[in-house]
Structures are given as structure tokens and as C-alpha cells.
Amino acid sequence: MTKAHLIEKVAEKATNLSRRDAEKVVNCLFDSIRDALKNGEKTEIRGFGSFRVRVRRTKDGRNPKTGESVAVPEKKMPFFKAGKEIKELLNPEAKSAL
């Protein structure tokens, strides 16, 4: 699903919103999540999942062309963890084992 598909779905479900208003809603949601991650905050959407920033530590890598060892610096990466409801939706057989 693309962002455009998501905007169409919002416009279909919320019949009182125009497509332009639906686009504003979707953009606002994504901007809010992006801004929270930029500020080092966690965003949790109950029943869906959570977004947070994880730090990858410095490590030694290799240049594939020369085989030379290269230091890969520490960097921040976005991370998404699916919520319980989505996990159960994707793995219904695992629900009965809980």
C-alpha cells in the first residue's frame, strides 16, 4: 500500500472529508511520527505498534572491493515493533498457544 492508497482509504471511510482533507490528515500523522523520532521520542499506537529510534553501535566492516577493514560509525536508525493485535492477525495459530 502506498501513501496515495492510504489517503484514498481515509477519504472513503470518512465520507465527510474531501480527498484533500484526507491527505492533510495522513500527512499530519506521518509528520508527527517523524518529528517525534527526530526528537528521540517514542510513538505508540495502541493495537498497531510503536516507532522508536535505536542506536547502532560502531563496528568494523569490510570494503567488498579491496577487502580492507573500514570503521562503520555509530548511527541512529528508526525501528518499528508490531503490536499484539497485528501479531495475532498475522499468526492466528500462535494465538491459541498463548
N, C-alpha and C. Protein backbone atom coordinates (compact mmCIF):
# COMPACT_ATOMS: atom_id res chain seq x y z
N MET A 1 0.85 -1.18 0.00
CA MET A 1 0.00 0.00 0.00
C MET A 1 0.90 1.24 0.00
N THR A 2 0.54 2.19 -0.82
CA THR A 2 1.31 3.44 -0.89
C THR A 2 0.59 4.53 -0.10
N LYS A 3 1.26 5.64 0.06
CA LYS A 3 0.66 6.78 0.76
C LYS A 3 -0.62 7.23 0.05
N ALA A 4 -0.60 7.24 -1.29
CA ALA A 4 -1.78 7.63 -2.07
C ALA A 4 -2.96 6.68 -1.81
N HIS A 5 -2.66 5.37 -1.71
CA HIS A 5 -3.72 4.40 -1.40
C HIS A 5 -4.29 4.65 -0.01
N LEU A 6 -3.41 4.96 0.92
CA LEU A 6 -3.84 5.23 2.29
C LEU A 6 -4.75 6.47 2.34
N ILE A 7 -4.38 7.50 1.60
CA ILE A 7 -5.21 8.71 1.54
C ILE A 7 -6.58 8.38 0.97
N GLU A 8 -6.63 7.56 -0.09
CA GLU A 8 -7.91 7.15 -0.69
C GLU A 8 -8.76 6.39 0.32
N LYS A 9 -8.15 5.49 1.09
CA LYS A 9 -8.89 4.71 2.11
C LYS A 9 -9.48 5.63 3.16
N VAL A 10 -8.70 6.61 3.62
CA VAL A 10 -9.20 7.55 4.62
C VAL A 10 -10.37 8.35 4.05
N ALA A 11 -10.24 8.80 2.81
CA ALA A 11 -11.31 9.57 2.17
C ALA A 11 -12.57 8.72 2.00
N GLU A 12 -12.42 7.43 1.72
CA GLU A 12 -13.57 6.52 1.58
C GLU A 12 -14.27 6.29 2.91
N LYS A 13 -13.49 6.04 3.95
CA LYS A 13 -14.06 5.72 5.27
C LYS A 13 -14.67 6.94 5.94
N ALA A 14 -14.02 8.08 5.81
CA ALA A 14 -14.52 9.32 6.42
C ALA A 14 -15.21 10.12 5.31
N THR A 15 -16.46 9.81 5.08
CA THR A 15 -17.18 10.40 3.95
C THR A 15 -17.36 11.91 4.09
N ASN A 16 -17.24 12.42 5.30
CA ASN A 16 -17.37 13.87 5.50
C ASN A 16 -16.08 14.63 5.16
N LEU A 17 -14.99 13.90 4.85
CA LEU A 17 -13.72 14.53 4.48
C LEU A 17 -13.53 14.47 2.97
N SER A 18 -13.02 15.56 2.41
CA SER A 18 -12.65 15.55 1.00
C SER A 18 -11.32 14.82 0.87
N ARG A 19 -10.93 14.52 -0.35
CA ARG A 19 -9.65 13.86 -0.58
C ARG A 19 -8.51 14.75 -0.09
N ARG A 20 -8.64 16.05 -0.30
CA ARG A 20 -7.62 17.00 0.14
C ARG A 20 -7.50 17.00 1.67
N ASP A 21 -8.64 16.96 2.37
CA ASP A 21 -8.62 16.91 3.83
C ASP A 21 -8.03 15.59 4.32
N ALA A 22 -8.37 14.50 3.64
CA ALA A 22 -7.81 13.19 4.00
C ALA A 22 -6.30 13.20 3.84
N GLU A 23 -5.82 13.86 2.79
CA GLU A 23 -4.38 13.97 2.56
C GLU A 23 -3.72 14.75 3.70
N LYS A 24 -4.38 15.81 4.17
CA LYS A 24 -3.84 16.59 5.28
C LYS A 24 -3.75 15.74 6.55
N VAL A 25 -4.78 14.91 6.78
CA VAL A 25 -4.80 14.05 7.97
C VAL A 25 -3.64 13.05 7.91
N VAL A 26 -3.48 12.39 6.78
CA VAL A 26 -2.41 11.39 6.63
C VAL A 26 -1.04 12.06 6.76
N ASN A 27 -0.86 13.20 6.11
CA ASN A 27 0.42 13.91 6.21
C ASN A 27 0.71 14.35 7.63
N CYS A 28 -0.31 14.80 8.34
CA CYS A 28 -0.14 15.23 9.73
C CYS A 28 0.30 14.05 10.60
N LEU A 29 -0.30 12.89 10.38
CA LEU A 29 0.06 11.69 11.14
C LEU A 29 1.52 11.32 10.90
N PHE A 30 1.92 11.25 9.63
CA PHE A 30 3.30 10.89 9.30
C PHE A 30 4.29 11.95 9.80
N ASP A 31 3.93 13.22 9.67
CA ASP A 31 4.81 14.29 10.15
C ASP A 31 5.00 14.21 11.65
N SER A 32 3.93 13.89 12.37
CA SER A 32 4.00 13.79 13.83
C SER A 32 4.91 12.65 14.26
N ILE A 33 4.79 11.51 13.59
CA ILE A 33 5.66 10.37 13.91
C ILE A 33 7.11 10.71 13.58
N ARG A 34 7.34 11.31 12.42
CA ARG A 34 8.69 11.70 12.00
C ARG A 34 9.31 12.68 12.99
N ASP A 35 8.54 13.70 13.40
CA ASP A 35 9.06 14.70 14.33
C ASP A 35 9.38 14.11 15.69
N ALA A 36 8.53 13.19 16.15
CA ALA A 36 8.79 12.53 17.43
C ALA A 36 10.08 11.73 17.37
N LEU A 37 10.29 10.99 16.29
CA LEU A 37 11.53 10.22 16.14
C LEU A 37 12.74 11.14 16.08
N LYS A 38 12.60 12.26 15.38
CA LYS A 38 13.69 13.23 15.27
C LYS A 38 14.09 13.75 16.63
N ASN A 39 13.10 13.91 17.53
CA ASN A 39 13.35 14.42 18.87
C ASN A 39 13.71 13.32 19.86
N GLY A 40 13.87 12.10 19.37
CA GLY A 40 14.24 10.98 20.22
C GLY A 40 13.10 10.41 21.02
N GLU A 41 11.87 10.74 20.65
CA GLU A 41 10.69 10.26 21.38
C GLU A 41 10.15 8.99 20.73
N LYS A 42 9.43 8.22 21.52
CA LYS A 42 8.77 7.01 21.06
C LYS A 42 7.33 7.35 20.71
N THR A 43 6.80 6.77 19.64
CA THR A 43 5.40 6.93 19.29
C THR A 43 4.73 5.58 19.36
N GLU A 44 3.69 5.47 20.17
CA GLU A 44 2.98 4.20 20.33
C GLU A 44 1.53 4.37 19.90
N ILE A 45 1.09 3.49 19.00
CA ILE A 45 -0.29 3.48 18.54
C ILE A 45 -0.88 2.16 19.00
N ARG A 46 -1.73 2.22 20.02
CA ARG A 46 -2.30 1.00 20.61
C ARG A 46 -2.99 0.14 19.56
N GLY A 47 -2.72 -1.15 19.61
CA GLY A 47 -3.32 -2.08 18.67
C GLY A 47 -2.60 -2.15 17.33
N PHE A 48 -1.65 -1.27 17.11
CA PHE A 48 -0.91 -1.26 15.84
C PHE A 48 0.56 -1.54 16.07
N GLY A 49 1.23 -0.67 16.84
CA GLY A 49 2.64 -0.87 17.11
C GLY A 49 3.30 0.40 17.60
N SER A 50 4.61 0.35 17.71
CA SER A 50 5.34 1.52 18.20
C SER A 50 6.56 1.79 17.32
N PHE A 51 6.89 3.07 17.23
CA PHE A 51 8.04 3.53 16.48
C PHE A 51 9.03 4.12 17.49
N ARG A 52 10.30 3.80 17.33
CA ARG A 52 11.33 4.37 18.20
C ARG A 52 12.65 4.44 17.46
N VAL A 53 13.61 5.08 18.06
CA VAL A 53 14.94 5.19 17.47
C VAL A 53 15.87 4.25 18.22
N ARG A 54 16.63 3.48 17.47
CA ARG A 54 17.66 2.63 18.05
C ARG A 54 19.01 3.09 17.54
N VAL A 55 20.01 2.93 18.38
CA VAL A 55 21.36 3.34 18.02
C VAL A 55 22.16 2.10 17.66
N ARG A 56 22.69 2.10 16.45
CA ARG A 56 23.60 1.01 16.04
C ARG A 56 25.00 1.42 16.44
N ARG A 57 25.66 0.57 17.18
CA ARG A 57 26.99 0.91 17.68
C ARG A 57 28.04 0.86 16.57
N THR A 58 29.18 1.45 16.85
CA THR A 58 30.30 1.45 15.92
C THR A 58 30.75 0.01 15.70
N LYS A 59 31.06 -0.30 14.46
CA LYS A 59 31.54 -1.66 14.17
C LYS A 59 32.58 -1.62 13.06
N ASP A 60 33.30 -2.72 12.92
CA ASP A 60 34.27 -2.85 11.84
C ASP A 60 33.59 -3.55 10.67
N GLY A 61 33.76 -2.96 9.48
CA GLY A 61 33.22 -3.56 8.27
C GLY A 61 34.35 -3.81 7.30
N ARG A 62 33.99 -4.29 6.13
CA ARG A 62 34.99 -4.55 5.10
C ARG A 62 34.56 -3.90 3.79
N ASN A 63 35.53 -3.33 3.12
CA ASN A 63 35.29 -2.81 1.78
C ASN A 63 35.23 -4.04 0.86
N PRO A 64 34.09 -4.31 0.21
CA PRO A 64 33.97 -5.53 -0.59
C PRO A 64 34.90 -5.56 -1.80
N LYS A 65 35.29 -4.41 -2.27
CA LYS A 65 36.16 -4.33 -3.44
C LYS A 65 37.60 -4.67 -3.10
N THR A 66 38.09 -4.09 -2.00
CA THR A 66 39.51 -4.27 -1.65
C THR A 66 39.72 -5.24 -0.49
N GLY A 67 38.68 -5.52 0.28
CA GLY A 67 38.82 -6.38 1.45
C GLY A 67 39.40 -5.66 2.64
N GLU A 68 39.65 -4.37 2.48
CA GLU A 68 40.24 -3.55 3.53
C GLU A 68 39.22 -3.34 4.66
N SER A 69 39.70 -3.34 5.91
CA SER A 69 38.86 -3.11 7.07
C SER A 69 38.50 -1.63 7.15
N VAL A 70 37.21 -1.36 7.42
CA VAL A 70 36.72 0.01 7.48
C VAL A 70 35.89 0.17 8.75
N ALA A 71 36.07 1.30 9.44
CA ALA A 71 35.28 1.58 10.64
C ALA A 71 33.92 2.13 10.20
N VAL A 72 32.85 1.50 10.66
CA VAL A 72 31.49 1.97 10.38
C VAL A 72 31.04 2.73 11.62
N PRO A 73 30.75 4.03 11.50
CA PRO A 73 30.41 4.82 12.68
C PRO A 73 29.03 4.49 13.26
N GLU A 74 28.85 4.89 14.51
CA GLU A 74 27.56 4.73 15.18
C GLU A 74 26.51 5.55 14.44
N LYS A 75 25.28 5.02 14.35
CA LYS A 75 24.21 5.79 13.72
C LYS A 75 22.86 5.44 14.32
N LYS A 76 21.93 6.38 14.18
CA LYS A 76 20.58 6.19 14.69
C LYS A 76 19.71 5.64 13.57
N MET A 77 18.86 4.65 13.90
CA MET A 77 18.00 4.02 12.92
C MET A 77 16.57 3.96 13.45
N PRO A 78 15.57 4.18 12.58
CA PRO A 78 14.19 4.02 13.02
C PRO A 78 13.87 2.54 13.18
N PHE A 79 13.01 2.23 14.14
CA PHE A 79 12.64 0.84 14.41
C PHE A 79 11.14 0.78 14.69
N PHE A 80 10.47 -0.19 14.09
CA PHE A 80 9.04 -0.40 14.31
C PHE A 80 8.84 -1.75 14.96
N LYS A 81 8.03 -1.78 16.00
CA LYS A 81 7.68 -3.03 16.66
C LYS A 81 6.17 -3.19 16.57
N ALA A 82 5.73 -4.26 15.94
CA ALA A 82 4.29 -4.51 15.76
C ALA A 82 3.63 -4.79 17.10
N GLY A 83 2.39 -4.34 17.23
CA GLY A 83 1.61 -4.57 18.44
C GLY A 83 1.03 -5.97 18.49
N LYS A 84 0.50 -6.33 19.63
CA LYS A 84 -0.03 -7.66 19.87
C LYS A 84 -1.15 -8.01 18.89
N GLU A 85 -2.05 -7.07 18.61
CA GLU A 85 -3.18 -7.35 17.72
C GLU A 85 -2.72 -7.67 16.31
N ILE A 86 -1.73 -6.96 15.81
CA ILE A 86 -1.22 -7.24 14.47
C ILE A 86 -0.50 -8.58 14.44
N LYS A 87 0.26 -8.89 15.46
CA LYS A 87 0.95 -10.17 15.52
C LYS A 87 -0.05 -11.32 15.50
N GLU A 88 -1.15 -11.17 16.26
CA GLU A 88 -2.18 -12.21 16.30
C GLU A 88 -2.92 -12.31 14.97
N LEU A 89 -3.13 -11.19 14.30
CA LEU A 89 -3.78 -11.18 13.00
C LEU A 89 -2.95 -11.94 11.96
N LEU A 90 -1.63 -11.75 12.02
CA LEU A 90 -0.74 -12.40 11.07
C LEU A 90 -0.46 -13.86 11.41
N ASN A 91 -0.57 -14.21 12.68
CA ASN A 91 -0.27 -15.56 13.14
C ASN A 91 -1.41 -16.09 14.00
N PRO A 92 -2.57 -16.38 13.41
CA PRO A 92 -3.73 -16.80 14.21
C PRO A 92 -3.50 -18.11 14.97
N GLU A 93 -2.64 -19.00 14.43
CA GLU A 93 -2.38 -20.26 15.11
C GLU A 93 -1.59 -20.05 16.39
N ALA A 94 -0.80 -18.99 16.47
CA ALA A 94 0.01 -18.70 17.66
C ALA A 94 -0.88 -18.15 18.78
N LYS A 95 -2.03 -17.58 18.43
CA LYS A 95 -2.94 -17.01 19.44
C LYS A 95 -3.44 -18.08 20.39
N SER A 96 -3.75 -19.25 19.85
CA SER A 96 -4.27 -20.34 20.68
C SER A 96 -3.20 -20.90 21.61
N ALA A 97 -1.92 -20.72 21.24
CA ALA A 97 -0.82 -21.24 22.06
C ALA A 97 -0.56 -20.33 23.27
N LEU A 98 -1.04 -19.06 23.21
CA LEU A 98 -0.81 -18.14 24.31
C LEU A 98 -1.68 -18.50 25.43
